[in-house]
Protein backbone atom coordinates (compact mmCIF):
# COMPACT_ATOMS: atom_id res chain seq x y z
CA MET A 1 41.61 -53.67 24.48
CA PHE A 2 39.29 -54.43 27.38
CA SER A 3 39.44 -50.84 28.65
CA VAL A 4 38.52 -49.55 25.18
CA ILE A 5 35.55 -51.93 24.98
CA LYS A 6 34.49 -50.90 28.48
CA LYS A 7 34.43 -47.25 27.41
CA ILE A 8 32.68 -47.83 24.09
CA LEU A 9 30.08 -50.38 25.23
CA PRO A 10 27.85 -48.04 27.30
CA TYR A 11 27.64 -45.52 24.46
CA SER A 12 27.00 -48.27 21.94
CA ILE A 13 24.11 -49.56 24.05
CA LEU A 14 22.91 -45.99 24.58
CA GLY A 15 22.97 -45.36 20.82
CA ILE A 16 20.99 -48.54 20.21
CA PHE A 17 18.38 -47.56 22.81
CA ILE A 18 18.04 -44.02 21.43
CA PHE A 19 17.67 -45.39 17.90
CA LEU A 20 15.04 -47.91 19.00
CA ILE A 21 13.10 -45.28 20.97
CA TYR A 22 13.22 -42.79 18.09
CA ASN A 23 12.26 -45.48 15.58
CA PHE A 24 9.37 -46.55 17.79
CA TYR A 25 8.18 -42.94 18.10
CA SER A 26 8.45 -42.35 14.35
CA ASN A 27 6.34 -45.40 13.57
CA ASN A 28 3.83 -44.91 16.38
CA LYS A 29 3.30 -41.15 16.68
CA SER A 30 -0.42 -41.57 17.28
CA ASP A 31 0.34 -43.55 20.45
CA PHE A 32 1.85 -40.38 21.92
CA ASP A 33 -1.24 -38.19 21.49
CA PHE A 34 -1.80 -38.25 25.26
CA ILE A 35 1.17 -35.87 25.61
CA TYR A 36 -1.21 -33.01 24.77
CA ASN A 37 -2.92 -33.69 28.11
CA LEU A 38 0.21 -32.51 29.92
CA ASN A 39 -0.41 -29.02 31.31
CA TYR A 40 1.87 -26.48 32.96
CA LYS A 41 0.37 -27.11 36.40
CA ILE A 42 1.41 -30.77 36.40
CA LEU A 43 4.81 -29.97 34.89
CA ILE A 44 5.59 -27.31 37.51
CA GLN A 45 4.55 -29.67 40.32
CA ILE A 46 6.86 -32.37 38.96
CA ILE A 47 9.77 -29.91 38.63
CA ILE A 48 9.26 -28.80 42.25
CA LEU A 49 9.28 -32.45 43.36
CA CYS A 50 12.51 -32.98 41.40
CA PHE A 51 14.01 -30.01 43.22
CA PHE A 52 13.17 -31.60 46.57
CA TYR A 53 14.60 -34.89 45.32
CA LEU A 54 17.93 -33.14 44.69
CA ILE A 55 17.74 -31.63 48.18
CA THR A 56 17.52 -35.12 49.70
CA GLU A 57 20.60 -36.07 47.68
CA ALA A 58 22.38 -33.02 49.12
CA ILE A 59 21.43 -34.13 52.64
CA ILE A 60 22.96 -37.55 51.96
CA LEU A 61 26.23 -35.97 50.81
CA LYS A 62 26.33 -33.75 53.88
CA LYS A 63 25.88 -36.79 56.14
CA ILE A 64 28.72 -38.55 54.33
CA THR A 65 31.11 -35.67 55.07
CA TYR A 66 29.93 -35.73 58.69
CA PHE A 67 30.98 -39.37 58.93
CA PHE A 68 34.54 -38.24 58.14
CA TYR A 69 34.28 -35.38 60.65
CA LYS A 70 34.04 -32.75 57.93
CA ASP A 71 31.21 -30.32 57.33
CA ILE A 72 29.98 -29.25 53.92
CA SER A 73 27.27 -26.59 53.84
CA TYR A 74 23.85 -27.46 52.44
CA THR A 75 24.37 -24.95 49.64
CA LYS A 76 27.71 -26.43 48.60
CA SER A 77 26.32 -29.94 48.91
CA PHE A 78 23.40 -29.03 46.65
CA LEU A 79 25.78 -27.57 44.06
CA VAL A 80 27.97 -30.69 44.11
CA ILE A 81 24.92 -32.94 43.68
CA ASN A 82 23.77 -30.94 40.66
CA THR A 83 27.23 -31.32 39.13
CA THR A 84 27.11 -35.04 39.96
CA TYR A 85 23.90 -35.45 37.98
CA LEU A 86 25.36 -33.39 35.15
CA CYS A 87 28.35 -35.73 34.90
CA ASN A 88 26.17 -38.85 35.08
CA THR A 89 24.14 -37.56 32.14
CA PHE A 90 27.12 -38.04 29.84
CA VAL A 91 29.19 -40.80 31.50
CA SER A 92 27.74 -43.44 33.83
CA PHE A 93 29.05 -43.22 37.41
CA SER A 94 31.27 -40.25 36.51
CA GLY A 95 29.26 -38.27 39.06
CA LEU A 96 30.55 -40.57 41.79
CA GLY A 97 34.08 -39.90 40.55
CA PHE A 98 33.48 -36.15 40.63
CA ARG A 99 32.18 -36.28 44.20
CA ALA A 100 35.15 -38.37 45.28
CA PHE A 101 37.59 -35.94 43.66
CA TYR A 102 35.77 -32.90 45.09
CA LEU A 103 35.78 -34.28 48.65
CA LYS A 104 39.45 -35.23 48.31
CA LYS A 105 40.38 -31.80 47.01
CA ILE A 106 38.29 -29.68 49.38
CA PHE A 107 38.01 -31.81 52.52
CA LYS A 108 40.97 -34.22 52.19
CA ILE A 109 38.63 -37.22 52.39
CA ASN A 110 40.29 -40.39 51.14
CA ILE A 111 38.79 -41.41 47.79
CA THR A 112 38.80 -45.13 48.62
CA ASP A 113 37.05 -44.52 51.93
CA PHE A 114 34.40 -42.35 50.29
CA ILE A 115 33.66 -44.85 47.52
CA ILE A 116 33.37 -47.78 49.93
CA LEU A 117 31.07 -45.80 52.23
CA SER A 118 29.00 -44.83 49.17
CA LEU A 119 28.62 -48.52 48.29
CA PHE A 120 27.28 -49.22 51.77
CA ILE A 121 24.80 -46.36 51.39
CA ILE A 122 23.69 -47.75 48.02
CA LEU A 123 23.03 -51.00 49.88
CA ILE A 124 20.57 -49.14 52.12
CA GLU A 125 18.99 -47.52 49.05
CA ILE A 126 18.41 -50.91 47.41
CA PHE A 127 16.84 -52.19 50.62
CA VAL A 128 14.45 -49.24 50.97
CA PHE A 129 13.25 -49.24 47.35
CA SER A 130 12.85 -53.02 47.26
CA PHE A 131 11.41 -53.60 50.75
CA PHE A 132 9.04 -50.63 50.87
CA GLY A 133 8.15 -51.14 47.22
CA LEU A 134 7.13 -54.69 48.08
CA CYS A 135 5.21 -53.57 51.18
CA PHE A 136 3.29 -50.91 49.27
CA LEU A 137 2.50 -53.39 46.48
CA ILE A 138 1.14 -55.92 48.97
CA PHE A 139 -0.88 -53.18 50.69
CA ALA A 140 -2.31 -51.99 47.35
CA ASP A 141 -3.12 -55.60 46.46
CA PHE A 142 -4.91 -55.95 49.79
CA LEU A 143 -6.99 -52.82 49.15
CA ASP A 144 -8.10 -53.96 45.72
CA GLU A 145 -7.71 -57.58 44.62
CA SER A 146 -8.43 -56.58 41.02
CA TYR A 147 -4.86 -55.30 40.72
CA LYS A 148 -2.65 -57.60 38.71
CA ILE A 149 0.78 -57.70 40.29
CA SER A 150 3.40 -60.03 38.85
CA LYS A 151 4.52 -62.74 41.27
CA TYR A 152 7.96 -62.53 39.68
CA LEU A 153 8.17 -58.84 40.57
CA LYS A 154 7.23 -59.59 44.17
CA PHE A 155 9.83 -62.33 44.28
CA ILE A 156 12.57 -60.06 42.89
CA LEU A 157 11.80 -57.27 45.39
CA PHE A 158 11.62 -59.79 48.23
CA SER A 159 14.94 -61.34 47.19
CA LEU A 160 16.67 -57.95 47.00
CA SER A 161 15.34 -57.07 50.45
CA ILE A 162 16.63 -60.30 51.99
CA ILE A 163 20.01 -60.11 50.25
CA THR A 164 20.65 -56.53 51.36
CA VAL A 165 19.65 -57.34 54.95
CA LEU A 166 21.97 -60.36 55.01
CA ILE A 167 24.87 -58.33 53.63
CA PHE A 168 24.20 -55.47 56.04
CA THR A 169 24.04 -57.69 59.11
CA SER A 170 26.94 -60.00 58.31
CA TYR A 171 29.49 -58.09 56.21
CA ASP A 172 31.85 -57.69 59.17
CA TYR A 173 31.86 -61.45 59.86
CA PHE A 174 32.48 -62.15 56.20
CA TYR A 175 35.34 -59.67 56.24
CA LYS A 176 36.97 -61.26 59.27
CA PHE A 177 36.56 -64.74 57.77
CA ILE A 178 38.32 -63.69 54.56
CA ILE A 179 41.14 -62.04 56.51
CA ASN A 180 41.74 -65.07 58.73
CA PHE A 181 41.21 -67.71 56.06
CA LEU A 182 43.45 -66.13 53.43
CA ASN A 183 45.85 -64.52 55.88
CA ILE A 184 46.01 -61.27 53.91
CA ASP A 185 45.66 -58.79 56.77
CA GLN A 186 48.95 -57.19 55.73
CA LYS A 187 47.62 -56.14 52.35
CA LYS A 188 47.48 -52.38 51.97
CA TYR A 189 44.02 -52.28 50.43
CA ILE A 190 42.64 -54.36 53.29
CA LYS A 191 44.15 -51.98 55.82
CA LYS A 192 42.60 -49.03 54.02
CA ILE A 193 39.05 -50.31 54.35
CA SER A 194 39.34 -52.14 57.67
CA PHE A 195 38.04 -49.23 59.73
CA PHE A 196 34.63 -49.63 58.07
CA PHE A 197 34.19 -52.90 59.91
CA THR A 198 34.86 -51.55 63.39
CA LYS A 199 34.18 -48.47 65.43
CA THR A 200 36.36 -45.52 64.57
CA LYS A 201 36.27 -42.39 66.68
CA ASN A 202 33.11 -43.77 68.31
CA VAL A 203 31.30 -43.91 64.94
CA ASP A 204 29.40 -47.16 64.41
CA LEU A 205 28.95 -47.80 60.68
CA LYS A 206 25.74 -49.81 61.03
CA ARG A 207 24.08 -47.24 63.24
CA PHE A 208 25.22 -44.49 60.90
CA LEU A 209 23.81 -46.25 57.82
CA LEU A 210 20.42 -46.89 59.44
CA LYS A 211 19.88 -43.12 59.54
CA PHE A 212 19.68 -43.10 55.74
CA ILE A 213 16.51 -45.19 55.69
CA TRP A 214 14.23 -42.22 56.32
CA ILE A 215 15.98 -40.16 53.61
CA PHE A 216 15.53 -42.86 50.99
CA LEU A 217 11.94 -43.35 52.13
CA ILE A 218 11.33 -39.65 51.43
CA GLN A 219 12.93 -40.14 48.01
CA PHE A 220 10.58 -43.07 47.42
CA ILE A 221 7.58 -40.86 48.20
CA ILE A 222 8.86 -38.05 45.97
CA LEU A 223 9.44 -40.39 43.01
CA PHE A 224 6.04 -41.97 43.61
CA LEU A 225 4.33 -38.58 43.46
CA ILE A 226 6.21 -37.71 40.25
CA PHE A 227 5.01 -40.86 38.51
CA TYR A 228 1.53 -40.51 39.99
CA LEU A 229 1.23 -36.98 38.56
CA GLY A 230 2.64 -38.12 35.24
CA HIS A 231 0.27 -41.06 35.09
CA SER A 232 -2.70 -38.72 35.55
CA VAL A 233 -1.95 -37.40 32.05
CA LEU A 234 -2.77 -40.84 30.63
CA ASP A 235 -6.27 -40.85 32.14
CA LYS A 236 -6.04 -44.55 32.97
CA GLU A 237 -6.73 -46.79 35.93
CA ASN A 238 -4.12 -48.48 38.13
CA SER A 239 -2.24 -45.20 38.69
CA LEU A 240 -1.47 -46.17 42.29
CA ILE A 241 -0.02 -49.58 41.54
CA PHE A 242 1.88 -48.42 38.47
CA SER A 243 3.45 -45.50 40.32
CA ILE A 244 4.73 -47.83 43.04
CA ILE A 245 6.20 -50.22 40.46
CA ALA A 246 7.73 -47.38 38.42
CA THR A 247 9.27 -45.85 41.56
CA SER A 248 11.10 -49.03 42.60
CA SER A 249 12.03 -49.91 39.01
CA THR A 250 13.44 -46.46 38.23
CA ASP A 251 15.62 -46.24 41.31
CA LEU A 252 16.97 -49.76 40.90
CA SER A 253 17.69 -49.05 37.23
CA PHE A 254 19.83 -46.05 38.25
CA ILE A 255 21.85 -48.32 40.54
CA PHE A 256 22.35 -51.11 37.99
CA THR A 257 22.59 -48.85 34.96
CA ILE A 258 25.08 -49.41 32.14
CA THR A 259 24.13 -46.38 30.03
CA PRO A 260 24.42 -42.64 30.82
CA TYR A 261 21.42 -41.55 32.88
CA ALA A 262 19.98 -45.08 32.54
CA VAL A 263 18.48 -44.24 29.14
CA GLY A 264 16.69 -47.35 27.94
CA ILE A 265 17.44 -49.19 31.17
CA SER A 266 14.71 -47.44 33.18
CA GLU A 267 12.22 -48.02 30.39
CA ALA A 268 13.12 -51.71 30.26
CA PHE A 269 12.83 -52.12 34.04
CA ILE A 270 9.42 -50.43 34.14
CA PHE A 271 8.15 -52.21 31.02
CA PHE A 272 8.84 -55.71 32.30
CA SER A 273 7.77 -54.88 35.86
CA SER A 274 4.40 -53.49 34.74
CA SER A 275 3.68 -55.99 31.96
CA ASP A 276 0.47 -57.10 33.72
CA LEU A 277 -0.93 -53.57 33.81
CA ASP A 278 -2.80 -51.60 31.17
CA ILE A 279 0.08 -49.45 30.01
CA ASN A 280 1.98 -49.49 26.73
CA LEU A 281 5.57 -48.76 25.76
CA ALA A 282 4.79 -45.24 24.48
CA GLU A 283 3.37 -44.26 27.87
CA ILE A 284 6.34 -45.76 29.72
CA ILE A 285 8.79 -43.85 27.50
CA PHE A 286 6.87 -40.65 28.21
CA LEU A 287 6.77 -41.12 31.99
CA SER A 288 10.45 -42.07 32.27
CA ASN A 289 11.60 -39.09 30.24
CA LEU A 290 9.18 -36.73 31.96
CA PHE A 291 11.15 -37.34 35.15
CA ARG A 292 14.50 -37.15 33.34
CA LEU A 293 13.76 -33.89 31.57
CA SER A 294 12.17 -32.25 34.63
CA ILE A 295 15.18 -32.89 36.86
CA PHE A 296 17.50 -32.02 33.93
CA LEU A 297 15.97 -28.51 33.81
CA ILE A 298 17.21 -28.01 37.37
CA TYR A 299 20.65 -29.57 37.49
CA PHE A 300 21.97 -28.76 34.01
CA LEU A 301 22.56 -25.03 34.39
CA ILE A 302 23.38 -25.18 38.12
CA GLY A 303 25.77 -28.09 37.63
CA LEU A 304 27.42 -26.50 34.61
CA VAL A 305 28.07 -23.19 36.39
CA HIS A 306 29.40 -24.92 39.52
CA LEU A 307 31.67 -27.20 37.48
CA TYR A 308 33.05 -24.20 35.59
CA PHE A 309 33.97 -22.28 38.77
CA PHE A 310 35.32 -25.40 40.48
CA LEU A 311 37.63 -26.23 37.56
CA ASN A 312 38.78 -22.61 37.37
CA LYS A 313 39.56 -22.69 41.08
CA ILE A 314 41.71 -25.80 40.63
CA ARG A 315 43.50 -24.29 37.64
CA TYR A 316 44.39 -21.09 39.53
CA GLU A 317 45.60 -23.09 42.54
CA LYS A 318 48.08 -24.88 40.30
């Protein structure tokens, strides 16, 4: 019963969000008139930025395979990432499952090891988008005191930064405490993940994870530029501060999402985070979906073709 509810719930929430967004659009069409300000030049620039965003994702996947002493080409990594996004469009976190299965099938990488390492990498992602988001907000506030930045937003970003740092610096001590206190070192699942808390083949997990900071920082800049370009369509002030808030909110919504492709979740995150700024719900819906649709134009066909050939390859192998 619980498994059925778990499968149905995300789509139920998604359906509610889509209905609410459509209903809002139907009753407030005039609020979307600014869409006519969107020109091909801005759209092409955003699509190019989305392409580079997917490239950074491919670099992350390549580094993950390197950790396990495997080597996936940049081309293959890019194809897998596009398929990952394709899967996530329909089922939340199914892209992670596809990557795990692909790496197991092609490179013999243990699925449990890959998922746990991915969780650690997500930890770094949360840190970057919360810490640098907070730093950029404070810097923008320093440049112009007229900006209205929610103290609650600053507190949330600060808290996420501290929590991720604490987890990153002390997870190994916590692990050892649990093992010794509960005396469960003989458990199979503990043995499977234990190598993440020590050095294996001269690979230090903490040092390895720190290398992802610059990649996620590049992603932060790319997302910021996407929202900054999109915001220019609105012809409003506070484009700098809003783009910073939208960047952090969007990425964190993808991590904590409960609906496919974070539909409704991203809008909610941005809406509450930017409530002190001069921006309405119609504009937030537009900006969120401008990013979604732009990156969709890239990964849909590429991911679909790659998935087709990959599944055919598996079928013929059987």
